[in-house]
Amino acid sequence: MKKIVAAGCILAMSLMLTGCEEQTRSKEAVFDQTQESNQDYSVSDEEVTEGTEEYRGFLLDNVFHSQTEGDIHYNVYIPESYDGSKPYALFFTLPGYQGLYFQGVGVNLQTEDFGFTAQEYNPEMIIVAPQLEDWGETSARQTIALAEYFLSNYNIDPDKVYGEGYSGGGETMSLVMSMRPDLFTAYLHGSSKWDGAYEPVAENRTPVYLAIGEEDEYYGSEPTKETYRRLHDLYEQQGLTEAEIDQILVLDIKDDSYFEEGGVTNQHGGGGALFPHDDEMMGWLFEK
């Protein structure tokens, strides 16, 4: 994989961010923090074992050997145009249960299209599709470690770091968001439930889009509605207006007709098939 060969672009970008508003300042702090441990932006061969197989442009089964979180398996798409000379966006997509590592290498990409349709919104974006072992705190910490690795070793625009979690992947990403909401510009939470804390997300004002079927067979829609209420209440306590809240918090409950028109009968599994192709959802995410 291609690594950054000079730090000039990163320094220039940090200077450009000076004087921006609170959320941007927090991302600048995150960016600076992730660079401190690796000032020359180079990674030894021992830290990453690169995969050897490809699937639709993704290099499969790379392994980041984290000193604190162990081996982290991931698939990655790096555009041909990336050479480290300019900052690129970064997108993390976490799959449902069927896409975890023990299910098979690359099965997350074979069963969900988020990593492919995302390329239509920004051709200058690195896409990381981790294959973790579960949907709990261990996987959340591994996701954070992997995100920090990419921020440290690739020329990434810290204002264009996006996250998406579907089903079990959404549970993991909700924990990530409660631990490090400052890492992400915006987050799409699909057909899942929120396992993390709400307060850190509200304090950071990280935009969140909540989407689920009204009659989701696995979670039901009530947990997602409750997540919306909890975050909405916290924003009201901060004094935000409804218009301001609408800019950073969206509740999208899909009725039967949405799935029927999409040709699927199961709302939970159908969300994984339809949401990646929903321009309203995906456009919202990558416009932030």
C-alpha atoms as a PDB file:
ATOM      1  CA  MET A   1       0.000   0.000   0.000  1.00  0.00           C
ATOM      2  CA  LYS A   2       0.983   3.542  -0.650  1.00  0.00           C
ATOM      3  CA  LYS A   3       2.365   5.546   2.254  1.00  0.00           C
ATOM      4  CA  ILE A   4       2.849   9.262   2.702  1.00  0.00           C
ATOM      5  CA  VAL A   5       6.334  10.293   1.699  1.00  0.00           C
ATOM      6  CA  ALA A   6       6.427  13.798   3.135  1.00  0.00           C
ATOM      7  CA  ALA A   7       4.793  15.673   5.994  1.00  0.00           C
ATOM      8  CA  GLY A   8       4.445  19.028   4.243  1.00  0.00           C
ATOM      9  CA  CYS A   9       0.808  18.524   3.238  1.00  0.00           C
ATOM     10  CA  ILE A  10      -0.190  17.549   6.756  1.00  0.00           C
ATOM     11  CA  LEU A  11       1.449  20.639   8.290  1.00  0.00           C
ATOM     12  CA  ALA A  12      -0.190  22.899   5.744  1.00  0.00           C
ATOM     13  CA  MET A  13      -3.573  21.397   6.410  1.00  0.00           C
ATOM     14  CA  SER A  14      -3.189  21.861  10.169  1.00  0.00           C
ATOM     15  CA  LEU A  15      -2.471  25.551   9.626  1.00  0.00           C
ATOM     16  CA  MET A  16      -5.517  25.885   7.391  1.00  0.00           C
ATOM     17  CA  LEU A  17      -7.747  24.493  10.143  1.00  0.00           C
ATOM     18  CA  THR A  18      -6.636  27.136  12.682  1.00  0.00           C
ATOM     19  CA  GLY A  19      -9.443  29.441  13.735  1.00  0.00           C
ATOM     20  CA  CYS A  20     -12.291  27.129  12.673  1.00  0.00           C
ATOM     21  CA  GLU A  21     -15.247  26.405  14.915  1.00  0.00           C
ATOM     22  CA  GLU A  22     -15.308  24.038  17.881  1.00  0.00           C
ATOM     23  CA  GLN A  23     -15.959  20.783  16.029  1.00  0.00           C
ATOM     24  CA  THR A  24     -13.222  21.517  13.519  1.00  0.00           C
ATOM     25  CA  ARG A  25     -10.800  22.437  16.315  1.00  0.00           C
ATOM     26  CA  SER A  26     -11.532  19.103  17.974  1.00  0.00           C
ATOM     27  CA  LYS A  27     -10.737  17.253  14.744  1.00  0.00           C
ATOM     28  CA  GLU A  28      -7.499  19.212  14.423  1.00  0.00           C
ATOM     29  CA  ALA A  29      -6.587  18.100  17.942  1.00  0.00           C
ATOM     30  CA  VAL A  30      -7.338  14.484  17.029  1.00  0.00           C
ATOM     31  CA  PHE A  31      -5.245  14.769  13.889  1.00  0.00           C
ATOM     32  CA  ASP A  32      -2.301  16.246  15.808  1.00  0.00           C
ATOM     33  CA  GLN A  33      -2.640  13.589  18.498  1.00  0.00           C
ATOM     34  CA  THR A  34      -2.538  10.712  16.026  1.00  0.00           C
ATOM     35  CA  GLN A  35       0.608  12.125  14.420  1.00  0.00           C
ATOM     36  CA  GLU A  36       2.643  12.539  17.611  1.00  0.00           C
ATOM     37  CA  SER A  37       3.662   8.893  17.827  1.00  0.00           C
ATOM     38  CA  ASN A  38       4.817   8.741  14.209  1.00  0.00           C
ATOM     39  CA  GLN A  39       6.309  12.046  13.098  1.00  0.00           C
ATOM     40  CA  ASP A  40       7.957  10.671   9.934  1.00  0.00           C
ATOM     41  CA  TYR A  41       4.666   9.057   8.759  1.00  0.00           C
ATOM     42  CA  SER A  42       6.377   5.769   7.995  1.00  0.00           C
ATOM     43  CA  VAL A  43       5.336   2.336   9.197  1.00  0.00           C
ATOM     44  CA  SER A  44       7.619  -0.619   9.738  1.00  0.00           C
ATOM     45  CA  ASP A  45       6.854  -3.861   7.908  1.00  0.00           C
ATOM     46  CA  GLU A  46       6.032  -5.508  11.229  1.00  0.00           C
ATOM     47  CA  GLU A  47       3.026  -3.248  11.865  1.00  0.00           C
ATOM     48  CA  VAL A  48       0.976  -4.253   8.816  1.00  0.00           C
ATOM     49  CA  THR A  49       0.827  -7.513   6.899  1.00  0.00           C
ATOM     50  CA  GLU A  50      -0.636  -6.737   3.501  1.00  0.00           C
ATOM     51  CA  GLY A  51      -3.143  -9.048   1.868  1.00  0.00           C
ATOM     52  CA  THR A  52      -2.471 -10.744  -1.458  1.00  0.00           C
ATOM     53  CA  GLU A  53      -5.943 -11.105  -2.963  1.00  0.00           C
ATOM     54  CA  GLU A  54      -8.277  -8.474  -4.405  1.00  0.00           C
ATOM     55  CA  TYR A  55     -12.038  -8.194  -4.750  1.00  0.00           C
ATOM     56  CA  ARG A  56     -13.599  -5.413  -6.834  1.00  0.00           C
ATOM     57  CA  GLY A  57     -10.735  -3.045  -6.142  1.00  0.00           C
ATOM     58  CA  PHE A  58     -10.326  -3.902  -2.441  1.00  0.00           C
ATOM     59  CA  LEU A  59      -7.134  -5.472  -1.135  1.00  0.00           C
ATOM     60  CA  LEU A  60      -8.351  -8.246   1.152  1.00  0.00           C
ATOM     61  CA  ASP A  61      -7.277  -9.456   4.578  1.00  0.00           C
ATOM     62  CA  ASN A  62      -4.661  -6.932   5.555  1.00  0.00           C
ATOM     63  CA  VAL A  63      -3.663  -7.196   9.204  1.00  0.00           C
ATOM     64  CA  PHE A  64      -2.724  -4.276  11.409  1.00  0.00           C
ATOM     65  CA  HIS A  65      -0.682  -5.605  14.331  1.00  0.00           C
ATOM     66  CA  SER A  66      -1.681  -3.160  17.050  1.00  0.00           C
ATOM     67  CA  GLN A  67       0.519  -3.135  20.128  1.00  0.00           C
ATOM     68  CA  THR A  68      -2.520  -2.545  22.332  1.00  0.00           C
ATOM     69  CA  GLU A  69      -5.454  -4.159  20.481  1.00  0.00           C
ATOM     70  CA  GLY A  70      -3.859  -7.189  18.805  1.00  0.00           C
ATOM     71  CA  ASP A  71      -4.304  -8.244  15.190  1.00  0.00           C
ATOM     72  CA  ILE A  72      -6.984  -6.292  13.294  1.00  0.00           C
ATOM     73  CA  HIS A  73      -8.145  -7.680   9.945  1.00  0.00           C
ATOM     74  CA  TYR A  74      -9.403  -5.272   7.299  1.00  0.00           C
ATOM     75  CA  ASN A  75     -10.050  -4.884   3.609  1.00  0.00           C
ATOM     76  CA  VAL A  76      -9.115  -1.593   1.990  1.00  0.00           C
ATOM     77  CA  TYR A  77      -9.779   0.334  -1.200  1.00  0.00           C
ATOM     78  CA  ILE A  78      -7.160   2.945  -2.099  1.00  0.00           C
ATOM     79  CA  PRO A  79      -7.893   4.929  -5.274  1.00  0.00           C
ATOM     80  CA  GLU A  80      -5.338   4.640  -8.052  1.00  0.00           C
ATOM     81  CA  SER A  81      -4.975   8.417  -7.906  1.00  0.00           C
ATOM     82  CA  TYR A  82      -3.775   8.450  -4.284  1.00  0.00           C
ATOM     83  CA  ASP A  83      -0.067   9.296  -4.042  1.00  0.00           C
ATOM     84  CA  GLY A  84       0.058  11.123  -0.710  1.00  0.00           C
ATOM     85  CA  SER A  85       0.423  14.573  -2.264  1.00  0.00           C
ATOM     86  CA  LYS A  86      -3.065  15.755  -1.256  1.00  0.00           C
ATOM     87  CA  PRO A  87      -5.458  14.862   1.564  1.00  0.00           C
ATOM     88  CA  TYR A  88      -8.124  12.259   0.817  1.00  0.00           C
ATOM     89  CA  ALA A  89     -11.358  11.460   2.617  1.00  0.00           C
ATOM     90  CA  LEU A  90     -11.613   8.307   4.757  1.00  0.00           C
ATOM     91  CA  PHE A  91     -14.648   6.026   5.132  1.00  0.00           C
ATOM     92  CA  PHE A  92     -15.069   3.166   7.613  1.00  0.00           C
ATOM     93  CA  THR A  93     -17.849   0.650   6.945  1.00  0.00           C
ATOM     94  CA  LEU A  94     -18.658  -1.973   9.596  1.00  0.00           C
ATOM     95  CA  PRO A  95     -20.842  -4.925   8.541  1.00  0.00           C
ATOM     96  CA  GLY A  96     -23.514  -6.991  10.190  1.00  0.00           C
ATOM     97  CA  TYR A  97     -22.917 -10.377  11.812  1.00  0.00           C
ATOM     98  CA  GLN A  98     -22.587 -12.092   8.434  1.00  0.00           C
ATOM     99  CA  GLY A  99     -19.504  -9.994   7.637  1.00  0.00           C
ATOM    100  CA  LEU A 100     -17.371 -10.734  10.698  1.00  0.00           C
ATOM    101  CA  TYR A 101     -13.944 -12.268  10.132  1.00  0.00           C
ATOM    102  CA  PHE A 102     -14.814 -15.817  11.156  1.00  0.00           C
ATOM    103  CA  GLN A 103     -17.498 -15.852   8.432  1.00  0.00           C
ATOM    104  CA  GLY A 104     -14.807 -15.699   5.740  1.00  0.00           C
ATOM    105  CA  VAL A 105     -12.369 -13.244   4.209  1.00  0.00           C
ATOM    106  CA  GLY A 106     -14.128 -10.534   2.211  1.00  0.00           C
ATOM    107  CA  VAL A 107     -17.649 -11.758   2.948  1.00  0.00           C
ATOM    108  CA  ASN A 108     -18.549  -8.307   4.290  1.00  0.00           C
ATOM    109  CA  LEU A 109     -17.888  -6.869   0.827  1.00  0.00           C
ATOM    110  CA  GLN A 110     -19.783  -9.686  -0.840  1.00  0.00           C
ATOM    111  CA  THR A 111     -22.921  -9.095   1.240  1.00  0.00           C
ATOM    112  CA  GLU A 112     -23.016  -5.289   1.670  1.00  0.00           C
ATOM    113  CA  ASP A 113     -22.451  -2.589  -0.941  1.00  0.00           C
ATOM    114  CA  PHE A 114     -21.613   0.412   1.265  1.00  0.00           C
ATOM    115  CA  GLY A 115     -17.935   0.249   0.335  1.00  0.00           C
ATOM    116  CA  PHE A 116     -18.743   0.304  -3.380  1.00  0.00           C
ATOM    117  CA  THR A 117     -21.516   2.881  -3.602  1.00  0.00           C
ATOM    118  CA  ALA A 118     -19.462   5.227  -1.402  1.00  0.00           C
ATOM    119  CA  GLN A 119     -16.996   5.562  -4.266  1.00  0.00           C
ATOM    120  CA  GLU A 120     -19.698   7.280  -6.325  1.00  0.00           C
ATOM    121  CA  TYR A 121     -19.859  10.173  -3.855  1.00  0.00           C
ATOM    122  CA  ASN A 122     -16.161  10.924  -3.570  1.00  0.00           C
ATOM    123  CA  PRO A 123     -13.574   9.366  -5.897  1.00  0.00           C
ATOM    124  CA  GLU A 124     -10.801  10.727  -3.685  1.00  0.00           C
ATOM    125  CA  MET A 125     -11.628   8.597  -0.642  1.00  0.00           C
ATOM    126  CA  ILE A 126      -9.875   5.682   1.024  1.00  0.00           C
ATOM    127  CA  ILE A 127     -12.391   3.064   2.152  1.00  0.00           C
ATOM    128  CA  VAL A 128     -11.686   0.684   5.021  1.00  0.00           C
ATOM    129  CA  ALA A 129     -13.897  -2.361   5.591  1.00  0.00           C
ATOM    130  CA  PRO A 130     -12.763  -4.045   8.828  1.00  0.00           C
ATOM    131  CA  GLN A 131     -13.650  -7.633   9.596  1.00  0.00           C
ATOM    132  CA  LEU A 132     -13.713  -7.833  13.363  1.00  0.00           C
ATOM    133  CA  GLU A 133     -14.508 -10.687  15.735  1.00  0.00           C
ATOM    134  CA  ASP A 134     -17.577  -9.354  17.538  1.00  0.00           C
ATOM    135  CA  TRP A 135     -19.766  -6.279  17.981  1.00  0.00           C
ATOM    136  CA  GLY A 136     -18.635  -5.236  21.467  1.00  0.00           C
ATOM    137  CA  GLU A 137     -16.021  -3.079  23.152  1.00  0.00           C
ATOM    138  CA  THR A 138     -13.043  -5.092  21.866  1.00  0.00           C
ATOM    139  CA  SER A 139     -14.072  -4.475  18.275  1.00  0.00           C
ATOM    140  CA  ALA A 140     -14.819  -0.826  19.081  1.00  0.00           C
ATOM    141  CA  ARG A 141     -11.299  -0.322  20.417  1.00  0.00           C
ATOM    142  CA  GLN A 142      -9.870  -2.093  17.376  1.00  0.00           C
ATOM    143  CA  THR A 143     -11.856   0.181  15.068  1.00  0.00           C
ATOM    144  CA  ILE A 144     -10.465   3.231  16.854  1.00  0.00           C
ATOM    145  CA  ALA A 145      -6.911   1.875  16.653  1.00  0.00           C
ATOM    146  CA  LEU A 146      -7.319   1.200  12.934  1.00  0.00           C
ATOM    147  CA  ALA A 147      -8.747   4.671  12.301  1.00  0.00           C
ATOM    148  CA  GLU A 148      -5.825   6.226  14.154  1.00  0.00           C
ATOM    149  CA  TYR A 149      -3.434   4.139  12.063  1.00  0.00           C
ATOM    150  CA  PHE A 150      -4.883   5.502   8.827  1.00  0.00           C
ATOM    151  CA  LEU A 151      -4.905   9.064  10.139  1.00  0.00           C
ATOM    152  CA  SER A 152      -1.245   8.699  11.077  1.00  0.00           C
ATOM    153  CA  ASN A 153       0.033   6.970   7.969  1.00  0.00           C
ATOM    154  CA  TYR A 154      -2.015   8.362   5.099  1.00  0.00           C
ATOM    155  CA  ASN A 155      -2.707  11.921   4.027  1.00  0.00           C
ATOM    156  CA  ILE A 156      -6.265  12.159   5.333  1.00  0.00           C
ATOM    157  CA  ASP A 157      -8.476  15.230   5.537  1.00  0.00           C
ATOM    158  CA  PRO A 158      -9.625  15.165   9.190  1.00  0.00           C
ATOM    159  CA  ASP A 159     -12.819  16.985   8.191  1.00  0.00           C
ATOM    160  CA  LYS A 160     -13.796  14.129   5.880  1.00  0.00           C
ATOM    161  CA  VAL A 161     -13.687  11.024   8.055  1.00  0.00           C
ATOM    162  CA  TYR A 162     -16.964   9.112   7.776  1.00  0.00           C
ATOM    163  CA  GLY A 163     -18.380   6.089   9.553  1.00  0.00           C
ATOM    164  CA  GLU A 164     -21.175   3.634   8.825  1.00  0.00           C
ATOM    165  CA  GLY A 165     -22.341   0.646  10.806  1.00  0.00           C
ATOM    166  CA  TYR A 166     -25.051  -1.800   9.813  1.00  0.00           C
ATOM    167  CA  SER A 167     -26.789  -4.159  12.256  1.00  0.00           C
ATOM    168  CA  GLY A 168     -24.067  -5.571  14.562  1.00  0.00           C
ATOM    169  CA  GLY A 169     -21.606  -3.177  12.960  1.00  0.00           C
ATOM    170  CA  GLY A 170     -23.863  -0.351  14.100  1.00  0.00           C
ATOM    171  CA  GLU A 171     -23.654  -1.592  17.679  1.00  0.00           C
ATOM    172  CA  THR A 172     -19.869  -1.512  17.399  1.00  0.00           C
ATOM    173  CA  MET A 173     -19.810   1.915  15.776  1.00  0.00           C
ATOM    174  CA  SER A 174     -22.134   3.343  18.422  1.00  0.00           C
ATOM    175  CA  LEU A 175     -19.531   2.318  21.005  1.00  0.00           C
ATOM    176  CA  VAL A 176     -16.812   3.886  18.852  1.00  0.00           C
ATOM    177  CA  MET A 177     -18.829   7.090  18.680  1.00  0.00           C
ATOM    178  CA  SER A 178     -19.231   7.187  22.445  1.00  0.00           C
ATOM    179  CA  MET A 179     -15.496   6.596  22.960  1.00  0.00           C
ATOM    180  CA  ARG A 180     -14.092   8.829  20.196  1.00  0.00           C
ATOM    181  CA  PRO A 181     -16.777  10.918  18.465  1.00  0.00           C
ATOM    182  CA  ASP A 182     -14.070  13.431  17.606  1.00  0.00           C
ATOM    183  CA  LEU A 183     -12.558  10.993  15.083  1.00  0.00           C
ATOM    184  CA  PHE A 184     -15.542  11.154  12.733  1.00  0.00           C
ATOM    185  CA  THR A 185     -17.134  13.890  10.669  1.00  0.00           C
ATOM    186  CA  ALA A 186     -20.498  12.106  10.426  1.00  0.00           C
ATOM    187  CA  TYR A 187     -21.989   8.677  11.088  1.00  0.00           C
ATOM    188  CA  LEU A 188     -24.712   6.558   9.421  1.00  0.00           C
ATOM    189  CA  HIS A 189     -26.358   4.109  11.847  1.00  0.00           C
ATOM    190  CA  GLY A 190     -28.333   1.499   9.905  1.00  0.00           C
ATOM    191  CA  SER A 191     -30.792  -1.160  11.135  1.00  0.00           C
ATOM    192  CA  SER A 192     -29.155  -1.423  14.532  1.00  0.00           C
ATOM    193  CA  LYS A 193     -29.363  -0.322  18.151  1.00  0.00           C
ATOM    194  CA  TRP A 194     -27.221   2.125  20.085  1.00  0.00           C
ATOM    195  CA  ASP A 195     -24.962   0.467  22.654  1.00  0.00           C
ATOM    196  CA  GLY A 196     -22.762   3.459  23.461  1.00  0.00           C
ATOM    197  CA  ALA A 197     -23.229   6.558  25.574  1.00  0.00           C
ATOM    198  CA  TYR A 198     -25.075   9.558  24.140  1.00  0.00           C
ATOM    199  CA  GLU A 199     -23.390  12.422  25.957  1.00  0.00           C
ATOM    200  CA  PRO A 200     -20.006  12.331  24.154  1.00  0.00           C
ATOM    201  CA  VAL A 201     -21.724  12.438  20.768  1.00  0.00           C
ATOM    202  CA  ALA A 202     -23.896  15.375  21.799  1.00  0.00           C
ATOM    203  CA  GLU A 203     -20.966  17.226  23.340  1.00  0.00           C
ATOM    204  CA  ASN A 204     -18.990  16.837  20.114  1.00  0.00           C
ATOM    205  CA  ARG A 205     -22.102  17.487  17.969  1.00  0.00           C
ATOM    206  CA  THR A 206     -21.106  14.718  15.585  1.00  0.00           C
ATOM    207  CA  PRO A 207     -23.845  14.420  12.925  1.00  0.00           C
ATOM    208  CA  VAL A 208     -25.757  11.122  13.152  1.00  0.00           C
ATOM    209  CA  TYR A 209     -28.265   9.650  10.692  1.00  0.00           C
ATOM    210  CA  LEU A 210     -30.473   6.919  12.204  1.00  0.00           C
ATOM    211  CA  ALA A 211     -32.189   4.604   9.702  1.00  0.00           C
ATOM    212  CA  ILE A 212     -34.249   1.461  10.265  1.00  0.00           C
ATOM    213  CA  GLY A 213     -37.381  -0.310   9.087  1.00  0.00           C
ATOM    214  CA  GLU A 214     -40.538   0.395  11.081  1.00  0.00           C
ATOM    215  CA  GLU A 215     -41.003  -3.349  11.585  1.00  0.00           C
ATOM    216  CA  ASP A 216     -37.351  -4.411  11.704  1.00  0.00           C
ATOM    217  CA  GLU A 217     -37.490  -8.119  12.556  1.00  0.00           C
ATOM    218  CA  TYR A 218     -34.329  -8.176  14.675  1.00  0.00           C
ATOM    219  CA  TYR A 219     -34.249  -4.929  16.652  1.00  0.00           C
ATOM    220  CA  GLY A 220     -37.625  -3.344  16.068  1.00  0.00           C
ATOM    221  CA  SER A 221     -37.629   0.415  15.500  1.00  0.00           C
ATOM    222  CA  GLU A 222     -38.241   1.549  19.083  1.00  0.00           C
ATOM    223  CA  PRO A 223     -34.549   1.444  20.186  1.00  0.00           C
ATOM    224  CA  THR A 224     -33.645   3.698  17.253  1.00  0.00           C
ATOM    225  CA  LYS A 225     -36.479   6.095  18.106  1.00  0.00           C
ATOM    226  CA  GLU A 226     -35.251   6.166  21.702  1.00  0.00           C
ATOM    227  CA  THR A 227     -31.723   6.991  20.520  1.00  0.00           C
ATOM    228  CA  TYR A 228     -33.140   9.906  18.548  1.00  0.00           C
ATOM    229  CA  ARG A 229     -35.108  11.139  21.572  1.00  0.00           C
ATOM    230  CA  ARG A 230     -32.110  10.920  23.872  1.00  0.00           C
ATOM    231  CA  LEU A 231     -29.796  12.814  21.527  1.00  0.00           C
ATOM    232  CA  HIS A 232     -32.517  15.328  20.683  1.00  0.00           C
ATOM    233  CA  ASP A 233     -33.078  16.047  24.381  1.00  0.00           C
ATOM    234  CA  LEU A 234     -29.368  16.626  24.922  1.00  0.00           C
ATOM    235  CA  TYR A 235     -29.254  19.089  22.025  1.00  0.00           C
ATOM    236  CA  GLU A 236     -32.298  20.900  23.383  1.00  0.00           C
ATOM    237  CA  GLN A 237     -30.523  21.218  26.724  1.00  0.00           C
ATOM    238  CA  GLN A 238     -27.620  22.822  24.870  1.00  0.00           C
ATOM    239  CA  GLY A 239     -30.033  25.431  23.537  1.00  0.00           C
ATOM    240  CA  LEU A 240     -30.015  24.329  19.891  1.00  0.00           C
ATOM    241  CA  THR A 241     -33.017  25.208  17.757  1.00  0.00           C
ATOM    242  CA  GLU A 242     -34.999  22.572  15.845  1.00  0.00           C
ATOM    243  CA  ALA A 243     -33.389  23.745  12.618  1.00  0.00           C
ATOM    244  CA  GLU A 244     -29.923  23.372  14.147  1.00  0.00           C
ATOM    245  CA  ILE A 245     -30.742  19.910  15.503  1.00  0.00           C
ATOM    246  CA  ASP A 246     -32.063  18.829  12.109  1.00  0.00           C
ATOM    247  CA  GLN A 247     -28.656  19.586  10.621  1.00  0.00           C
ATOM    248  CA  ILE A 248     -26.869  17.083  12.876  1.00  0.00           C
ATOM    249  CA  LEU A 249     -29.523  14.505  13.805  1.00  0.00           C
ATOM    250  CA  VAL A 250     -31.831  12.614  11.435  1.00  0.00           C
ATOM    251  CA  LEU A 251     -34.388   9.895  12.199  1.00  0.00           C
ATOM    252  CA  ASP A 252     -35.422   7.937   9.102  1.00  0.00           C
ATOM    253  CA  ILE A 253     -37.966   5.195   9.795  1.00  0.00           C
ATOM    254  CA  LYS A 254     -38.758   3.249   6.638  1.00  0.00           C
ATOM    255  CA  ASP A 255     -42.267   1.856   6.184  1.00  0.00           C
ATOM    256  CA  ASP A 256     -43.364  -1.302   4.370  1.00  0.00           C
ATOM    257  CA  SER A 257     -43.641   0.435   1.011  1.00  0.00           C
ATOM    258  CA  TYR A 258     -39.927   1.322   1.010  1.00  0.00           C
ATOM    259  CA  PHE A 259     -38.962  -2.336   1.194  1.00  0.00           C
ATOM    260  CA  GLU A 260     -41.717  -3.530  -1.142  1.00  0.00           C
ATOM    261  CA  GLU A 261     -40.616  -1.057  -3.810  1.00  0.00           C
ATOM    262  CA  GLY A 262     -37.042  -2.258  -3.321  1.00  0.00           C
ATOM    263  CA  GLY A 263     -38.101  -5.849  -3.940  1.00  0.00           C
ATOM    264  CA  VAL A 264     -37.308  -7.197  -0.469  1.00  0.00           C
ATOM    265  CA  THR A 265     -39.604  -8.743   2.122  1.00  0.00           C
ATOM    266  CA  ASN A 266     -37.355  -8.803   5.193  1.00  0.00           C
ATOM    267  CA  GLN A 267     -36.826  -5.320   6.633  1.00  0.00           C
ATOM    268  CA  HIS A 268     -33.716  -6.111   8.634  1.00  0.00           C
ATOM    269  CA  GLY A 269     -31.830  -7.917   5.910  1.00  0.00           C
ATOM    270  CA  GLY A 270     -33.422  -5.688   3.286  1.00  0.00           C
ATOM    271  CA  GLY A 271     -31.901  -2.615   4.884  1.00  0.00           C
ATOM    272  CA  GLY A 272     -28.459  -3.988   4.175  1.00  0.00           C
ATOM    273  CA  ALA A 273     -29.416  -4.373   0.523  1.00  0.00           C
ATOM    274  CA  LEU A 274     -31.230  -1.046   0.044  1.00  0.00           C
ATOM    275  CA  PHE A 275     -29.532   1.478   2.317  1.00  0.00           C
ATOM    276  CA  PRO A 276     -26.192   1.546   0.412  1.00  0.00           C
ATOM    277  CA  HIS A 277     -28.152   2.581  -2.690  1.00  0.00           C
ATOM    278  CA  ASP A 278     -30.288   5.188  -0.912  1.00  0.00           C
ATOM    279  CA  ASP A 279     -29.057   8.541  -2.188  1.00  0.00           C
ATOM    280  CA  GLU A 280     -30.747  10.448   0.635  1.00  0.00           C
ATOM    281  CA  MET A 281     -28.813   8.522   3.279  1.00  0.00           C
ATOM    282  CA  MET A 282     -25.484   8.223   1.541  1.00  0.00           C
ATOM    283  CA  GLY A 283     -25.638  11.746   0.149  1.00  0.00           C
ATOM    284  CA  TRP A 284     -26.324  13.130   3.628  1.00  0.00           C
ATOM    285  CA  LEU A 285     -23.297  11.291   5.015  1.00  0.00           C
ATOM    286  CA  PHE A 286     -20.763  12.418   2.449  1.00  0.00           C
ATOM    287  CA  GLU A 287     -22.027  15.983   2.237  1.00  0.00           C
ATOM    288  CA  LYS A 288     -21.055  16.616   5.856  1.00  0.00           C
END
